[in-house]
Structures are given as structure tokens and as C-alpha cells.
Amino acid sequence: MNFKITDTITSRQNPKIKNTLLLQKASERRKQNIFVIEGLKEIEKAAGKGYEFETVFFCSKLISAKELERILPENGALHIYEVSPEVFEKMAYRENSGGVVVLARPKNHRLENLKLRTNPLILVIESVEKPGNLGALYRTADAAGIDAVLICDPKTDLYNANAVRASLGCVFTIPTALTDSKTAIEFLKKNQIKIFATYLQAAVPYHTVDFTQSSAIVMGTEATGISQVWVDSADKNIIIPMRGEADSMNVSTSAAVVIFEACRQRGFK
């Protein structure tokens, strides 16, 4: 064992355990500037992308020291606590979390810090409310090799436990900026990135537009879609032709359809 255990916790009433449970609230995550990661895949992805781990709780009955060493980052001062099975059961938000809970520092997601390659493909997400949908969108974006995600006027927390879980940790793998729609549009226009906004009216079929150029695909909420500012600013408004009686699909499904058409046009390169 190459890491040093700070202490052992056997009481469910331990202040550190109580505080970890408080971090299920977005207000506490913002106040403390820290969030919770569960799941071996999710922790490994965060470590691989340079997230700073503040505290690690692990249960030796559920994970070996060798496996824990494998997924933890090599650098950074960690506070590592071994906890009893009873304590871990209380603090774990989800089942099958692998015996590890990590408290990590969020990254700075400023738009001005976003670095893009030539001819990028970007996903814009406006006002998505459900953490599960946000996570599913990231999982699709990661699978497609999206260059960046812009979250505009967010209604849910990027580091919500359900978003992290639904993404399988992909919220950590893709460069992300948190901003408002007006600022995002100015950024895209300045960088000569074409805006293709999903919209139900006065729109062309998604597969008829040219995604081989620098492109941003804009997705909105399932209930209200995108805001008018995107409709007015788009280079093209696009629609997925529907053949059945439903007039819409789940936002993550819709995003997958359009994103992978863009990937097809780009030769999946």
C-alpha cells in the first residue's frame, strides 16, 4: 500500500460523513466548492482528466488496496479515510459504487478558457433541467468525440450525482464552458462557427446541412425547446423528420441522431 490512511471512521455520526451527505444539495456544493464522485469508472475518468481529489473514503471490505491505488491520482495531497461497511452504506448515494466515495474540486468552466482545434464540432445545451438528461447528453458527446460542450443558462448542476452517473463519468472527459446564450452566440460568431439550432418550425431536415465545417449543434429542453435568441441567431434551424404521431423525442436521443450525422459527414474522423 503506497498511500497513507489518514484515519478510520466507524461512526455514522462522524462530522465528515454528515458533511458528505450534505453535498447532495447543489447549494452546499457551490458553498463548499466541492462535489461527490462515486463509481470506479467515474473516479478513474476524473483522475485521468486532472481533477483535484480532496478526500477519499473507502471500505476495505468492498475494494482492495491495489485497486484503490490504481484509480487514485498519483499527485495531489489526499485525505484518505477507511470506513466501516455500515458507514459506507450510509454515505453512498448509489448502489454498486465500488467501495469508494471521493470528494473533488470542480474545474473552472469559463468560456474564455476554452481551447478549440481547427474545424471543431460543438454541442450547445440550453436550459436542460433533468440531471439524467444532461448526463446522457455527455455520454453521447463523448462517444462521438465532440470537441466541447457549452451549457447555456443551466437549470441543473453539472456535478449533480445523477448527471455524473448517467454520463458514466463523461462529464469529466469533455471540455466544458458554463455561460449564457447571448455570450455563447457571440463566442460562436466570433470564431466563425456555424450555428445549427434544433427547431420545429421553419427548419430544414438535419441531414441536408453541411456539418463538415466548424459547427455548433444546439439542443434545448423537451418541454419548450430552444429560446428565441438561438432561433434568430442560427445559420440554419434544423429538424428531425418524424414519421409517427409523436412530435418530439428525448433530448439525448435527438442529440445522438444529429451528432452522429455530423460524424458521418466528417468520415468519423
Foldseek 3Di string as FASTA:
>chain_A
DPDDAQEEAEDLPPPVLVLLQVLLDPVSCVVVQKHKDFAQLQLQLLLVLPWAWAEKEFECVQDPPVSVVVRHHPDHDYHYYYYHPVNCVSRDPDPPRRGMMTMTGDDAQAPVPQDFDAFFEEEEEEAAADLLLLLLLLLLCVVLVHAEYEYAPYNDDCRNHNNCVSNSNSSNVHRYHYYHPVVVLVVCVVVVAAEEEEDLPPAAALLVDQLSGRYYYYFYYPVPTDDVVSVVSHPGYHYHDDDDDDPDDRRSVVSNVNSVSSCVSNVSD
